[in-house]
Amino acid sequence: MSALRILASAVALLAVIGAVLFADVFALRSLALPDALQNFVTVFLGIFIEAAPFLLLGSLTSGFIAEFVSPEDMARFFPRNKALNALSGALMGLAFPVCECGAVPVVRRLYRKGLPISAGIAFLLAAPVINPIVLASTYAAFGFGPVLWSRLVLTVGIAFAIGLVIGTQPSLVRLLAPRTFAPIMGGSMEMSLPQRTLTGRVQSALAAAVDDFLDMGRFLVLGSLLAAGLQSFVPQQALISIGRDPLSSVVALQALAFVLSVCSTVDSFLALSFVNTFTTGSIIAFLVFGPMIDLKSSVMYWTVFRPRVVIYVLMLSFLFTLLAGVFINLNLPW
């Protein structure tokens, strides 16, 4: 990609973000929209503006991975043992401080470099929680106690288990979406690092980051529209009215986490508002399941995996988190 194309893409990106912010601050105040539509637009802009910076961070990371990480580096870092791969992927969030939106372009790029399937699945599910920013926000909301440790341990454990289960499938064709799989099989430019100057390689990394952001951005918009629609037009009071039952409270908050699609960097403070209404197990389930897979991120997952893999990941995440939340409610006096 030429420097002129990079500049044009960056200007277009800034124009889109500026238009969204202008609409949020000025246009919405001057339009006499119906209450439901006004709420829909406000919620959509809130979700999109909250997620876009993290998608940008993930895209920048993805671009530099494309240019500076080789398949040989991946082979040296990840062992052949699938269990160790899944565990390594679950802990990679400590090195990549990205939320659920930013993790998707990173994983897609790493798969093109030879990342094991189990490690990529585990990273996608765990990275939105296992990073310093989210751990600090959870500590600020709940302190150094059982909620923080439960969120950490359950996230790593569930991500490891699902990565191991999905990783047992030997055929990449049955797991990865064609757009992700093709560069692995086709021997694309990403299979060998070009011999260029540092400046040229940085320009190439930024160009790849812009491409990733624009490519993933449309799925972020689609996911944000779906989440905003459900929040605005589907009554949620029924979910909140069952907060003390050990089973239904967990299901309710898991469903709420999926619909709200709140970024993992701020969801702890939202969960804190449920403390006097919902059970502890349901609050922990909200904090574990929401960052793993919500309505917004599940749409983005389709850019990496085949639809049935996304469904399997969603179902396994939901069931593992449900069992953990109910167990906490029935057996632990928190």
Foldseek 3Di string as FASTA:
>chain_A
DDPVVLVVLVVVVVVVVVVLVCCQPPVLVPDPDPPLVSLLSNLLSVLLVQQLVLLLLLLLLLLLCLAPPALVNQPVVDDPDQLSLLLCLLQCLQVVQGFLNSLLSNLLSVVLRPRQQLSSQNNNQRNLCNYPLLLVLLCVQPNDDDLSVLQNVLSSVLSSVLSSVVRVDPDPVQWWDCVSVCSNPPVDPSNDHDPDDPVVSSSSSSVSSSVSSVVLVVLLSVLSSQLSCCVSPPDLVVLQVPAEDQQSNLVSLLLVLQSSLDRSSNVSNVLSVCPVRHDPLSSSLNNNNNRRHHSSSLSSCVNTTPNVSSVVSNVSSSVSSSVRSSCCRVPPPD
